[in-house]
Amino acid sequence: MVRRVLALGVLVLLALPSLEAATEAPKVEVYARSRAEEGKGNVFQCFVNGFHPPEIEVQLLKNGEPMPDVTYGDLSFNEKWQFQRLVYAPFIPTREDIFTCRVVHSSMAEPGIYRWEPDF
């Protein structure tokens, strides 16, 4: 029994460096929950997926300023140990306002800014 536990511990220690080396940049999608209509309430969503390690900063911005009432979904992962997270906030789209998702991750040389493009 002690040998099995020791062997398992050695395997975990051997696997740790390869997990750290598996750095993956996030893929980011920004969209409205439902079809956008100017002046009508909706939910601005930023879905970030396929990244590793799990430490990530996601910020929703309206005209470059942090949006209020932001909700951070649970951090989850797939079988490749790539992580994903949904971040969202209520908003009222207008032609004048610019809505973006700012993502900071260790795999990126600089923060990524992803702009939502309304289709109205």
PDB file of N, CA and C in Angstrom:
ATOM      1  N   MET A   1       0.829  -1.195   0.000  1.00  0.00           N
ATOM      2  CA  MET A   1       0.000   0.000   0.000  1.00  0.00           C
ATOM      3  C   MET A   1       0.870   1.255   0.000  1.00  0.00           C
ATOM      4  N   VAL A   2       1.921   1.255   0.817  1.00  0.00           N
ATOM      5  CA  VAL A   2       2.821   2.406   0.890  1.00  0.00           C
ATOM      6  C   VAL A   2       3.521   2.602  -0.455  1.00  0.00           C
ATOM      7  N   ARG A   3       3.882   1.492  -1.099  1.00  0.00           N
ATOM      8  CA  ARG A   3       4.541   1.583  -2.412  1.00  0.00           C
ATOM      9  C   ARG A   3       3.628   2.233  -3.450  1.00  0.00           C
ATOM     10  N   ARG A   4       2.334   1.884  -3.424  1.00  0.00           N
ATOM     11  CA  ARG A   4       1.379   2.467  -4.374  1.00  0.00           C
ATOM     12  C   ARG A   4       1.246   3.966  -4.163  1.00  0.00           C
ATOM     13  N   VAL A   5       1.141   4.378  -2.922  1.00  0.00           N
ATOM     14  CA  VAL A   5       1.020   5.802  -2.619  1.00  0.00           C
ATOM     15  C   VAL A   5       2.286   6.531  -3.047  1.00  0.00           C
ATOM     16  N   LEU A   6       3.431   5.946  -2.765  1.00  0.00           N
ATOM     17  CA  LEU A   6       4.704   6.545  -3.161  1.00  0.00           C
ATOM     18  C   LEU A   6       4.811   6.635  -4.682  1.00  0.00           C
ATOM     19  N   ALA A   7       4.419   5.574  -5.373  1.00  0.00           N
ATOM     20  CA  ALA A   7       4.458   5.569  -6.837  1.00  0.00           C
ATOM     21  C   ALA A   7       3.523   6.627  -7.408  1.00  0.00           C
ATOM     22  N   LEU A   8       2.352   6.760  -6.834  1.00  0.00           N
ATOM     23  CA  LEU A   8       1.405   7.785  -7.283  1.00  0.00           C
ATOM     24  C   LEU A   8       1.982   9.179  -7.059  1.00  0.00           C
ATOM     25  N   GLY A   9       2.603   9.400  -5.929  1.00  0.00           N
ATOM     26  CA  GLY A   9       3.235  10.691  -5.640  1.00  0.00           C
ATOM     27  C   GLY A   9       4.327  11.022  -6.637  1.00  0.00           C
ATOM     28  N   VAL A  10       5.130  10.051  -7.002  1.00  0.00           N
ATOM     29  CA  VAL A  10       6.200  10.256  -7.985  1.00  0.00           C
ATOM     30  C   VAL A  10       5.598  10.604  -9.347  1.00  0.00           C
ATOM     31  N   LEU A  11       4.546   9.917  -9.738  1.00  0.00           N
ATOM     32  CA  LEU A  11       3.892  10.214 -11.013  1.00  0.00           C
ATOM     33  C   LEU A  11       3.338  11.636 -11.045  1.00  0.00           C
ATOM     34  N   VAL A  12       2.740  12.069  -9.961  1.00  0.00           N
ATOM     35  CA  VAL A  12       2.209  13.430  -9.883  1.00  0.00           C
ATOM     36  C   VAL A  12       3.337  14.438 -10.010  1.00  0.00           C
ATOM     37  N   LEU A  13       4.437  14.215  -9.307  1.00  0.00           N
ATOM     38  CA  LEU A  13       5.573  15.135  -9.385  1.00  0.00           C
ATOM     39  C   LEU A  13       6.169  15.184 -10.785  1.00  0.00           C
ATOM     40  N   LEU A  14       6.206  14.060 -11.473  1.00  0.00           N
ATOM     41  CA  LEU A  14       6.717  14.029 -12.840  1.00  0.00           C
ATOM     42  C   LEU A  14       5.779  14.753 -13.806  1.00  0.00           C
ATOM     43  N   ALA A  15       4.489  14.723 -13.534  1.00  0.00           N
ATOM     44  CA  ALA A  15       3.514  15.350 -14.430  1.00  0.00           C
ATOM     45  C   ALA A  15       3.429  16.860 -14.240  1.00  0.00           C
ATOM     46  N   LEU A  16       3.768  17.374 -13.075  1.00  0.00           N
ATOM     47  CA  LEU A  16       3.632  18.803 -12.804  1.00  0.00           C
ATOM     48  C   LEU A  16       4.378  19.699 -13.784  1.00  0.00           C
ATOM     49  N   PRO A  17       5.642  19.445 -14.095  1.00  0.00           N
ATOM     50  CA  PRO A  17       6.320  20.325 -15.060  1.00  0.00           C
ATOM     51  C   PRO A  17       5.637  20.361 -16.417  1.00  0.00           C
ATOM     52  N   SER A  18       5.107  19.241 -16.881  1.00  0.00           N
ATOM     53  CA  SER A  18       4.448  19.238 -18.188  1.00  0.00           C
ATOM     54  C   SER A  18       3.139  20.005 -18.143  1.00  0.00           C
ATOM     55  N   LEU A  19       2.450  20.013 -17.004  1.00  0.00           N
ATOM     56  CA  LEU A  19       1.231  20.804 -16.888  1.00  0.00           C
ATOM     57  C   LEU A  19       1.554  22.290 -16.941  1.00  0.00           C
ATOM     58  N   GLU A  20       2.617  22.702 -16.284  1.00  0.00           N
ATOM     59  CA  GLU A  20       3.000  24.101 -16.301  1.00  0.00           C
ATOM     60  C   GLU A  20       3.396  24.534 -17.703  1.00  0.00           C
ATOM     61  N   ALA A  21       4.032  23.674 -18.450  1.00  0.00           N
ATOM     62  CA  ALA A  21       4.503  24.021 -19.788  1.00  0.00           C
ATOM     63  C   ALA A  21       3.355  24.111 -20.782  1.00  0.00           C
ATOM     64  N   ALA A  22       2.217  23.532 -20.456  1.00  0.00           N
ATOM     65  CA  ALA A  22       1.083  23.519 -21.378  1.00  0.00           C
ATOM     66  C   ALA A  22       0.319  24.841 -21.313  1.00  0.00           C
ATOM     67  N   THR A  23       0.972  25.923 -21.681  1.00  0.00           N
ATOM     68  CA  THR A  23       0.341  27.230 -21.665  1.00  0.00           C
ATOM     69  C   THR A  23      -0.469  27.414 -22.939  1.00  0.00           C
ATOM     70  N   GLU A  24      -1.715  27.775 -22.785  1.00  0.00           N
ATOM     71  CA  GLU A  24      -2.608  27.985 -23.916  1.00  0.00           C
ATOM     72  C   GLU A  24      -3.239  29.363 -23.794  1.00  0.00           C
ATOM     73  N   ALA A  25      -3.239  30.113 -24.883  1.00  0.00           N
ATOM     74  CA  ALA A  25      -3.860  31.445 -24.908  1.00  0.00           C
ATOM     75  C   ALA A  25      -5.380  31.300 -24.975  1.00  0.00           C
ATOM     76  N   PRO A  26      -6.094  32.190 -24.330  1.00  0.00           N
ATOM     77  CA  PRO A  26      -7.558  32.107 -24.351  1.00  0.00           C
ATOM     78  C   PRO A  26      -8.147  32.491 -25.710  1.00  0.00           C
ATOM     79  N   LYS A  27      -9.249  31.868 -26.016  1.00  0.00           N
ATOM     80  CA  LYS A  27     -10.067  32.254 -27.163  1.00  0.00           C
ATOM     81  C   LYS A  27     -11.247  33.019 -26.570  1.00  0.00           C
ATOM     82  N   VAL A  28     -11.583  34.154 -27.156  1.00  0.00           N
ATOM     83  CA  VAL A  28     -12.578  35.045 -26.550  1.00  0.00           C
ATOM     84  C   VAL A  28     -13.704  35.330 -27.540  1.00  0.00           C
ATOM     85  N   GLU A  29     -14.939  35.224 -27.047  1.00  0.00           N
ATOM     86  CA  GLU A  29     -16.124  35.569 -27.830  1.00  0.00           C
ATOM     87  C   GLU A  29     -16.937  36.588 -27.035  1.00  0.00           C
ATOM     88  N   VAL A  30     -17.372  37.666 -27.687  1.00  0.00           N
ATOM     89  CA  VAL A  30     -18.252  38.643 -27.043  1.00  0.00           C
ATOM     90  C   VAL A  30     -19.554  38.699 -27.833  1.00  0.00           C
ATOM     91  N   TYR A  31     -20.667  38.752 -27.104  1.00  0.00           N
ATOM     92  CA  TYR A  31     -21.974  38.744 -27.752  1.00  0.00           C
ATOM     93  C   TYR A  31     -23.048  39.168 -26.764  1.00  0.00           C
ATOM     94  N   ALA A  32     -24.215  39.485 -27.299  1.00  0.00           N
ATOM     95  CA  ALA A  32     -25.392  39.778 -26.469  1.00  0.00           C
ATOM     96  C   ALA A  32     -26.169  38.481 -26.298  1.00  0.00           C
ATOM     97  N   ARG A  33     -26.806  38.331 -25.147  1.00  0.00           N
ATOM     98  CA  ARG A  33     -27.547  37.097 -24.877  1.00  0.00           C
ATOM     99  C   ARG A  33     -28.666  36.890 -25.895  1.00  0.00           C
ATOM    100  N   SER A  34     -29.390  37.955 -26.209  1.00  0.00           N
ATOM    101  CA  SER A  34     -30.452  37.859 -27.200  1.00  0.00           C
ATOM    102  C   SER A  34     -30.202  38.895 -28.293  1.00  0.00           C
ATOM    103  N   ARG A  35     -30.974  38.832 -29.347  1.00  0.00           N
ATOM    104  CA  ARG A  35     -30.786  39.768 -30.464  1.00  0.00           C
ATOM    105  C   ARG A  35     -30.817  41.198 -29.931  1.00  0.00           C
ATOM    106  N   ALA A  36     -29.787  41.950 -30.253  1.00  0.00           N
ATOM    107  CA  ALA A  36     -29.648  43.308 -29.727  1.00  0.00           C
ATOM    108  C   ALA A  36     -30.604  44.274 -30.412  1.00  0.00           C
ATOM    109  N   GLU A  37     -31.252  45.089 -29.588  1.00  0.00           N
ATOM    110  CA  GLU A  37     -32.093  46.181 -30.062  1.00  0.00           C
ATOM    111  C   GLU A  37     -31.648  47.432 -29.331  1.00  0.00           C
ATOM    112  N   GLU A  38     -31.423  48.491 -30.082  1.00  0.00           N
ATOM    113  CA  GLU A  38     -30.934  49.725 -29.476  1.00  0.00           C
ATOM    114  C   GLU A  38     -31.914  50.224 -28.416  1.00  0.00           C
ATOM    115  N   GLY A  39     -31.362  50.527 -27.234  1.00  0.00           N
ATOM    116  CA  GLY A  39     -32.155  51.064 -26.137  1.00  0.00           C
ATOM    117  C   GLY A  39     -32.930  50.036 -25.335  1.00  0.00           C
ATOM    118  N   LYS A  40     -32.844  48.767 -25.691  1.00  0.00           N
ATOM    119  CA  LYS A  40     -33.574  47.709 -24.987  1.00  0.00           C
ATOM    120  C   LYS A  40     -32.611  46.871 -24.153  1.00  0.00           C
ATOM    121  N   GLY A  41     -32.975  46.606 -22.897  1.00  0.00           N
ATOM    122  CA  GLY A  41     -32.133  45.837 -21.980  1.00  0.00           C
ATOM    123  C   GLY A  41     -31.752  44.473 -22.529  1.00  0.00           C
ATOM    124  N   ASN A  42     -30.532  44.054 -22.236  1.00  0.00           N
ATOM    125  CA  ASN A  42     -29.990  42.792 -22.718  1.00  0.00           C
ATOM    126  C   ASN A  42     -28.900  42.355 -21.743  1.00  0.00           C
ATOM    127  N   VAL A  43     -28.129  41.351 -22.101  1.00  0.00           N
ATOM    128  CA  VAL A  43     -27.012  40.899 -21.275  1.00  0.00           C
ATOM    129  C   VAL A  43     -25.768  40.800 -22.164  1.00  0.00           C
ATOM    130  N   PHE A  44     -24.729  41.529 -21.781  1.00  0.00           N
ATOM    131  CA  PHE A  44     -23.446  41.504 -22.490  1.00  0.00           C
ATOM    132  C   PHE A  44     -22.647  40.329 -21.944  1.00  0.00           C
ATOM    133  N   GLN A  45     -22.144  39.465 -22.832  1.00  0.00           N
ATOM    134  CA  GLN A  45     -21.447  38.252 -22.411  1.00  0.00           C
ATOM    135  C   GLN A  45     -20.067  38.157 -23.039  1.00  0.00           C
ATOM    136  N   CYS A  46     -19.128  37.687 -22.246  1.00  0.00           N
ATOM    137  CA  CYS A  46     -17.773  37.433 -22.714  1.00  0.00           C
ATOM    138  C   CYS A  46     -17.434  36.005 -22.301  1.00  0.00           C
ATOM    139  N   PHE A  47     -17.267  35.134 -23.291  1.00  0.00           N
ATOM    140  CA  PHE A  47     -16.941  33.740 -23.037  1.00  0.00           C
ATOM    141  C   PHE A  47     -15.473  33.530 -23.375  1.00  0.00           C
ATOM    142  N   VAL A  48     -14.700  33.114 -22.387  1.00  0.00           N
ATOM    143  CA  VAL A  48     -13.261  32.920 -22.525  1.00  0.00           C
ATOM    144  C   VAL A  48     -13.007  31.425 -22.352  1.00  0.00           C
ATOM    145  N   ASN A  49     -12.350  30.804 -23.338  1.00  0.00           N
ATOM    146  CA  ASN A  49     -12.144  29.358 -23.223  1.00  0.00           C
ATOM    147  C   ASN A  49     -10.817  28.920 -23.829  1.00  0.00           C
ATOM    148  N   GLY A  50     -10.447  27.674 -23.507  1.00  0.00           N
ATOM    149  CA  GLY A  50      -9.255  27.058 -24.072  1.00  0.00           C
ATOM    150  C   GLY A  50      -7.945  27.571 -23.511  1.00  0.00           C
ATOM    151  N   PHE A  51      -7.935  28.058 -22.283  1.00  0.00           N
ATOM    152  CA  PHE A  51      -6.701  28.619 -21.725  1.00  0.00           C
ATOM    153  C   PHE A  51      -6.148  27.783 -20.580  1.00  0.00           C
ATOM    154  N   HIS A  52      -4.844  27.933 -20.371  1.00  0.00           N
ATOM    155  CA  HIS A  52      -4.129  27.285 -19.264  1.00  0.00           C
ATOM    156  C   HIS A  52      -2.872  28.091 -19.025  1.00  0.00           C
ATOM    157  N   PRO A  53      -2.482  28.384 -17.845  1.00  0.00           N
ATOM    158  CA  PRO A  53      -3.032  28.025 -16.538  1.00  0.00           C
ATOM    159  C   PRO A  53      -4.340  28.765 -16.249  1.00  0.00           C
ATOM    160  N   PRO A  54      -5.009  28.399 -15.146  1.00  0.00           N
ATOM    161  CA  PRO A  54      -6.342  28.930 -14.879  1.00  0.00           C
ATOM    162  C   PRO A  54      -6.399  30.391 -14.429  1.00  0.00           C
ATOM    163  N   GLU A  55      -5.304  30.974 -14.004  1.00  0.00           N
ATOM    164  CA  GLU A  55      -5.339  32.360 -13.541  1.00  0.00           C
ATOM    165  C   GLU A  55      -5.604  33.276 -14.732  1.00  0.00           C
ATOM    166  N   ILE A  56      -6.698  34.042 -14.649  1.00  0.00           N
ATOM    167  CA  ILE A  56      -7.092  34.936 -15.741  1.00  0.00           C
ATOM    168  C   ILE A  56      -7.877  36.107 -15.165  1.00  0.00           C
ATOM    169  N   GLU A  57      -7.755  37.248 -15.811  1.00  0.00           N
ATOM    170  CA  GLU A  57      -8.519  38.431 -15.419  1.00  0.00           C
ATOM    171  C   GLU A  57      -9.406  38.811 -16.598  1.00  0.00           C
ATOM    172  N   VAL A  58     -10.714  38.893 -16.339  1.00  0.00           N
ATOM    173  CA  VAL A  58     -11.672  39.268 -17.367  1.00  0.00           C
ATOM    174  C   VAL A  58     -12.456  40.460 -16.838  1.00  0.00           C
ATOM    175  N   GLN A  59     -12.537  41.513 -17.650  1.00  0.00           N
ATOM    176  CA  GLN A  59     -13.207  42.736 -17.227  1.00  0.00           C
ATOM    177  C   GLN A  59     -14.130  43.202 -18.355  1.00  0.00           C
ATOM    178  N   LEU A  60     -15.373  43.529 -18.010  1.00  0.00           N
ATOM    179  CA  LEU A  60     -16.322  44.065 -18.979  1.00  0.00           C
ATOM    180  C   LEU A  60     -16.300  45.583 -18.876  1.00  0.00           C
ATOM    181  N   LEU A  61     -16.211  46.240 -20.040  1.00  0.00           N
ATOM    182  CA  LEU A  61     -16.077  47.697 -20.064  1.00  0.00           C
ATOM    183  C   LEU A  61     -17.128  48.329 -20.960  1.00  0.00           C
ATOM    184  N   LYS A  62     -17.614  49.483 -20.519  1.00  0.00           N
ATOM    185  CA  LYS A  62     -18.498  50.331 -21.323  1.00  0.00           C
ATOM    186  C   LYS A  62     -17.763  51.646 -21.514  1.00  0.00           C
ATOM    187  N   ASN A  63     -17.418  51.959 -22.754  1.00  0.00           N
ATOM    188  CA  ASN A  63     -16.662  53.172 -23.069  1.00  0.00           C
ATOM    189  C   ASN A  63     -15.366  53.256 -22.258  1.00  0.00           C
ATOM    190  N   GLY A  64     -14.728  52.116 -22.059  1.00  0.00           N
ATOM    191  CA  GLY A  64     -13.448  52.058 -21.364  1.00  0.00           C
ATOM    192  C   GLY A  64     -13.525  52.031 -19.845  1.00  0.00           C
ATOM    193  N   GLU A  65     -14.727  52.084 -19.289  1.00  0.00           N
ATOM    194  CA  GLU A  65     -14.919  52.071 -17.833  1.00  0.00           C
ATOM    195  C   GLU A  65     -15.546  50.747 -17.399  1.00  0.00           C
ATOM    196  N   PRO A  66     -15.166  50.230 -16.222  1.00  0.00           N
ATOM    197  CA  PRO A  66     -15.747  48.967 -15.748  1.00  0.00           C
ATOM    198  C   PRO A  66     -17.271  49.035 -15.635  1.00  0.00           C
ATOM    199  N   MET A  67     -17.919  47.989 -16.087  1.00  0.00           N
ATOM    200  CA  MET A  67     -19.380  47.911 -16.010  1.00  0.00           C
ATOM    201  C   MET A  67     -19.798  47.456 -14.613  1.00  0.00           C
ATOM    202  N   PRO A  68     -20.968  47.902 -14.147  1.00  0.00           N
ATOM    203  CA  PRO A  68     -21.477  47.448 -12.847  1.00  0.00           C
ATOM    204  C   PRO A  68     -22.190  46.096 -12.984  1.00  0.00           C
ATOM    205  N   ASP A  69     -22.433  45.469 -11.863  1.00  0.00           N
ATOM    206  CA  ASP A  69     -23.235  44.242 -11.775  1.00  0.00           C
ATOM    207  C   ASP A  69     -22.710  43.099 -12.634  1.00  0.00           C
ATOM    208  N   VAL A  70     -21.399  42.951 -12.690  1.00  0.00           N
ATOM    209  CA  VAL A  70     -20.782  41.877 -13.474  1.00  0.00           C
ATOM    210  C   VAL A  70     -20.868  40.567 -12.685  1.00  0.00           C
ATOM    211  N   THR A  71     -21.231  39.503 -13.381  1.00  0.00           N
ATOM    212  CA  THR A  71     -21.299  38.168 -12.787  1.00  0.00           C
ATOM    213  C   THR A  71     -20.225  37.300 -13.425  1.00  0.00           C
ATOM    214  N   TYR A  72     -19.489  36.578 -12.590  1.00  0.00           N
ATOM    215  CA  TYR A  72     -18.437  35.677 -13.045  1.00  0.00           C
ATOM    216  C   TYR A  72     -18.929  34.246 -12.866  1.00  0.00           C
ATOM    217  N   GLY A  73     -19.111  33.545 -13.985  1.00  0.00           N
ATOM    218  CA  GLY A  73     -19.496  32.144 -13.913  1.00  0.00           C
ATOM    219  C   GLY A  73     -18.355  31.322 -13.331  1.00  0.00           C
ATOM    220  N   ASP A  74     -18.686  30.109 -12.934  1.00  0.00           N
ATOM    221  CA  ASP A  74     -17.665  29.216 -12.379  1.00  0.00           C
ATOM    222  C   ASP A  74     -16.590  28.911 -13.412  1.00  0.00           C
ATOM    223  N   LEU A  75     -15.376  28.801 -12.940  1.00  0.00           N
ATOM    224  CA  LEU A  75     -14.261  28.379 -13.776  1.00  0.00           C
ATOM    225  C   LEU A  75     -14.387  26.872 -13.946  1.00  0.00           C
ATOM    226  N   SER A  76     -14.420  26.409 -15.192  1.00  0.00           N
ATOM    227  CA  SER A  76     -14.497  24.965 -15.453  1.00  0.00           C
ATOM    228  C   SER A  76     -13.427  24.598 -16.466  1.00  0.00           C
ATOM    229  N   PHE A  77     -13.255  23.297 -16.691  1.00  0.00           N
ATOM    230  CA  PHE A  77     -12.210  22.855 -17.613  1.00  0.00           C
ATOM    231  C   PHE A  77     -12.664  21.631 -18.382  1.00  0.00           C
ATOM    232  N   ASN A  78     -11.953  21.373 -19.498  1.00  0.00           N
ATOM    233  CA  ASN A  78     -12.259  20.205 -20.310  1.00  0.00           C
ATOM    234  C   ASN A  78     -11.221  19.105 -20.063  1.00  0.00           C
ATOM    235  N   GLU A  79     -11.283  18.050 -20.856  1.00  0.00           N
ATOM    236  CA  GLU A  79     -10.388  16.905 -20.653  1.00  0.00           C
ATOM    237  C   GLU A  79      -8.928  17.211 -20.962  1.00  0.00           C
ATOM    238  N   LYS A  80      -8.650  18.325 -21.645  1.00  0.00           N
ATOM    239  CA  LYS A  80      -7.273  18.716 -21.939  1.00  0.00           C
ATOM    240  C   LYS A  80      -6.718  19.676 -20.879  1.00  0.00           C
ATOM    241  N   TRP A  81      -7.458  19.871 -19.812  1.00  0.00           N
ATOM    242  CA  TRP A  81      -7.080  20.799 -18.744  1.00  0.00           C
ATOM    243  C   TRP A  81      -7.028  22.241 -19.249  1.00  0.00           C
ATOM    244  N   GLN A  82      -7.832  22.521 -20.261  1.00  0.00           N
ATOM    245  CA  GLN A  82      -8.001  23.891 -20.719  1.00  0.00           C
ATOM    246  C   GLN A  82      -9.227  24.443 -20.010  1.00  0.00           C
ATOM    247  N   PHE A  83      -9.122  25.662 -19.561  1.00  0.00           N
ATOM    248  CA  PHE A  83     -10.176  26.242 -18.735  1.00  0.00           C
ATOM    249  C   PHE A  83     -11.108  27.123 -19.551  1.00  0.00           C
ATOM    250  N   GLN A  84     -12.275  27.410 -18.956  1.00  0.00           N
ATOM    251  CA  GLN A  84     -13.252  28.294 -19.577  1.00  0.00           C
ATOM    252  C   GLN A  84     -14.046  29.019 -18.509  1.00  0.00           C
ATOM    253  N   ARG A  85     -14.565  30.203 -18.896  1.00  0.00           N
ATOM    254  CA  ARG A  85     -15.350  30.998 -17.949  1.00  0.00           C
ATOM    255  C   ARG A  85     -16.253  31.949 -18.730  1.00  0.00           C
ATOM    256  N   LEU A  86     -17.478  32.110 -18.244  1.00  0.00           N
ATOM    257  CA  LEU A  86     -18.420  33.063 -18.811  1.00  0.00           C
ATOM    258  C   LEU A  86     -18.545  34.226 -17.838  1.00  0.00           C
ATOM    259  N   VAL A  87     -18.393  35.436 -18.364  1.00  0.00           N
ATOM    260  CA  VAL A  87     -18.530  36.656 -17.575  1.00  0.00           C
ATOM    261  C   VAL A  87     -19.608  37.490 -18.259  1.00  0.00           C
ATOM    262  N   TYR A  88     -20.568  38.018 -17.478  1.00  0.00           N
ATOM    263  CA  TYR A  88     -21.674  38.740 -18.109  1.00  0.00           C
ATOM    264  C   TYR A  88     -22.231  39.825 -17.197  1.00  0.00           C
ATOM    265  N   ALA A  89     -22.951  40.773 -17.838  1.00  0.00           N
ATOM    266  CA  ALA A  89     -23.548  41.894 -17.106  1.00  0.00           C
ATOM    267  C   ALA A  89     -24.739  42.431 -17.899  1.00  0.00           C
ATOM    268  N   PRO A  90     -25.750  42.922 -17.197  1.00  0.00           N
ATOM    269  CA  PRO A  90     -26.864  43.551 -17.910  1.00  0.00           C
ATOM    270  C   PRO A  90     -26.374  44.837 -18.579  1.00  0.00           C
ATOM    271  N   PHE A  91     -26.941  45.143 -19.747  1.00  0.00           N
ATOM    272  CA  PHE A  91     -26.575  46.383 -20.438  1.00  0.00           C
ATOM    273  C   PHE A  91     -27.692  46.815 -21.367  1.00  0.00           C
ATOM    274  N   ILE A  92     -27.627  48.079 -21.763  1.00  0.00           N
ATOM    275  CA  ILE A  92     -28.566  48.626 -22.729  1.00  0.00           C
ATOM    276  C   ILE A  92     -27.734  49.116 -23.908  1.00  0.00           C
ATOM    277  N   PRO A  93     -27.769  48.393 -25.010  1.00  0.00           N
ATOM    278  CA  PRO A  93     -26.948  48.777 -26.157  1.00  0.00           C
ATOM    279  C   PRO A  93     -27.453  50.053 -26.837  1.00  0.00           C
ATOM    280  N   THR A  94     -26.505  50.902 -27.225  1.00  0.00           N
ATOM    281  CA  THR A  94     -26.798  52.098 -28.011  1.00  0.00           C
ATOM    282  C   THR A  94     -25.744  52.217 -29.099  1.00  0.00           C
ATOM    283  N   ARG A  95     -26.016  53.043 -30.090  1.00  0.00           N
ATOM    284  CA  ARG A  95     -25.058  53.247 -31.174  1.00  0.00           C
ATOM    285  C   ARG A  95     -23.820  54.005 -30.687  1.00  0.00           C
ATOM    286  N   GLU A  96     -23.968  54.825 -29.679  1.00  0.00           N
ATOM    287  CA  GLU A  96     -22.877  55.672 -29.200  1.00  0.00           C
ATOM    288  C   GLU A  96     -21.899  54.938 -28.276  1.00  0.00           C
ATOM    289  N   ASP A  97     -22.372  53.949 -27.548  1.00  0.00           N
ATOM    290  CA  ASP A  97     -21.541  53.285 -26.547  1.00  0.00           C
ATOM    291  C   ASP A  97     -20.705  52.160 -27.163  1.00  0.00           C
ATOM    292  N   ILE A  98     -19.523  51.960 -26.584  1.00  0.00           N
ATOM    293  CA  ILE A  98     -18.615  50.892 -27.015  1.00  0.00           C
ATOM    294  C   ILE A  98     -18.473  49.906 -25.855  1.00  0.00           C
ATOM    295  N   PHE A  99     -18.817  48.649 -26.116  1.00  0.00           N
ATOM    296  CA  PHE A  99     -18.739  47.604 -25.107  1.00  0.00           C
ATOM    297  C   PHE A  99     -17.604  46.646 -25.474  1.00  0.00           C
ATOM    298  N   THR A 100     -16.710  46.411 -24.509  1.00  0.00           N
ATOM    299  CA  THR A 100     -15.558  45.550 -24.747  1.00  0.00           C
ATOM    300  C   THR A 100     -15.336  44.599 -23.580  1.00  0.00           C
ATOM    301  N   CYS A 101     -14.568  43.563 -23.865  1.00  0.00           N
ATOM    302  CA  CYS A 101     -14.130  42.601 -22.856  1.00  0.00           C
ATOM    303  C   CYS A 101     -12.604  42.657 -22.857  1.00  0.00           C
ATOM    304  N   ARG A 102     -12.032  42.924 -21.699  1.00  0.00           N
ATOM    305  CA  ARG A 102     -10.575  43.010 -21.549  1.00  0.00           C
ATOM    306  C   ARG A 102     -10.099  41.738 -20.849  1.00  0.00           C
ATOM    307  N   VAL A 103      -9.130  41.056 -21.458  1.00  0.00           N
ATOM    308  CA  VAL A 103      -8.639  39.782 -20.926  1.00  0.00           C
ATOM    309  C   VAL A 103      -7.136  39.875 -20.697  1.00  0.00           C
ATOM    310  N   VAL A 104      -6.715  39.489 -19.489  1.00  0.00           N
ATOM    311  CA  VAL A 104      -5.299  39.430 -19.136  1.00  0.00           C
ATOM    312  C   VAL A 104      -4.982  37.986 -18.750  1.00  0.00           C
ATOM    313  N   HIS A 105      -3.968  37.415 -19.428  1.00  0.00           N
ATOM    314  CA  HIS A 105      -3.568  36.031 -19.146  1.00  0.00           C
ATOM    315  C   HIS A 105      -2.062  35.917 -19.359  1.00  0.00           C
ATOM    316  N   SER A 106      -1.417  35.044 -18.616  1.00  0.00           N
ATOM    317  CA  SER A 106       0.040  34.898 -18.689  1.00  0.00           C
ATOM    318  C   SER A 106       0.533  34.483 -20.079  1.00  0.00           C
ATOM    319  N   SER A 107      -0.309  33.913 -20.898  1.00  0.00           N
ATOM    320  CA  SER A 107       0.084  33.492 -22.243  1.00  0.00           C
ATOM    321  C   SER A 107       0.076  34.645 -23.243  1.00  0.00           C
ATOM    322  N   MET A 108      -0.413  35.806 -22.830  1.00  0.00           N
ATOM    323  CA  MET A 108      -0.555  36.957 -23.727  1.00  0.00           C
ATOM    324  C   MET A 108       0.505  38.006 -23.403  1.00  0.00           C
ATOM    325  N   ALA A 109       1.131  38.561 -24.438  1.00  0.00           N
ATOM    326  CA  ALA A 109       2.155  39.596 -24.245  1.00  0.00           C
ATOM    327  C   ALA A 109       1.552  40.875 -23.665  1.00  0.00           C
ATOM    328  N   GLU A 110       0.317  41.142 -24.008  1.00  0.00           N
ATOM    329  CA  GLU A 110      -0.390  42.317 -23.484  1.00  0.00           C
ATOM    330  C   GLU A 110      -1.873  41.987 -23.384  1.00  0.00           C
ATOM    331  N   PRO A 111      -2.635  42.771 -22.617  1.00  0.00           N
ATOM    332  CA  PRO A 111      -4.067  42.484 -22.491  1.00  0.00           C
ATOM    333  C   PRO A 111      -4.765  42.502 -23.849  1.00  0.00           C
ATOM    334  N   GLY A 112      -5.728  41.617 -24.004  1.00  0.00           N
ATOM    335  CA  GLY A 112      -6.536  41.591 -25.216  1.00  0.00           C
ATOM    336  C   GLY A 112      -7.812  42.381 -24.990  1.00  0.00           C
ATOM    337  N   ILE A 113      -8.190  43.199 -25.973  1.00  0.00           N
ATOM    338  CA  ILE A 113      -9.430  43.968 -25.914  1.00  0.00           C
ATOM    339  C   ILE A 113     -10.312  43.459 -27.051  1.00  0.00           C
ATOM    340  N   TYR A 114     -11.511  42.956 -26.693  1.00  0.00           N
ATOM    341  CA  TYR A 114     -12.415  42.356 -27.666  1.00  0.00           C
ATOM    342  C   TYR A 114     -13.702  43.168 -27.683  1.00  0.00           C
ATOM    343  N   ARG A 115     -14.000  43.771 -28.827  1.00  0.00           N
ATOM    344  CA  ARG A 115     -15.132  44.685 -28.948  1.00  0.00           C
ATOM    345  C   ARG A 115     -16.363  43.979 -29.466  1.00  0.00           C
ATOM    346  N   TRP A 116     -17.493  44.291 -28.827  1.00  0.00           N
ATOM    347  CA  TRP A 116     -18.781  43.786 -29.298  1.00  0.00           C
ATOM    348  C   TRP A 116     -19.255  44.691 -30.420  1.00  0.00           C
ATOM    349  N   GLU A 117     -19.634  44.076 -31.529  1.00  0.00           N
ATOM    350  CA  GLU A 117     -20.132  44.824 -32.684  1.00  0.00           C
ATOM    351  C   GLU A 117     -21.633  44.595 -32.812  1.00  0.00           C
ATOM    352  N   PRO A 118     -22.447  45.596 -32.482  1.00  0.00           N
ATOM    353  CA  PRO A 118     -23.899  45.424 -32.603  1.00  0.00           C
ATOM    354  C   PRO A 118     -24.308  45.304 -34.070  1.00  0.00           C
ATOM    355  N   ASP A 119     -25.413  44.622 -34.323  1.00  0.00           N
ATOM    356  CA  ASP A 119     -25.877  44.461 -35.696  1.00  0.00           C
ATOM    357  C   ASP A 119     -27.188  45.202 -35.944  1.00  0.00           C
ATOM    358  N   PHE A 120     -27.356  46.336 -35.250  1.00  0.00           N
ATOM    359  CA  PHE A 120     -28.561  47.137 -35.520  1.00  0.00           C
ATOM    360  C   PHE A 120     -28.191  48.411 -36.236  1.00  0.00           C
TER     361      PHE A 120
END
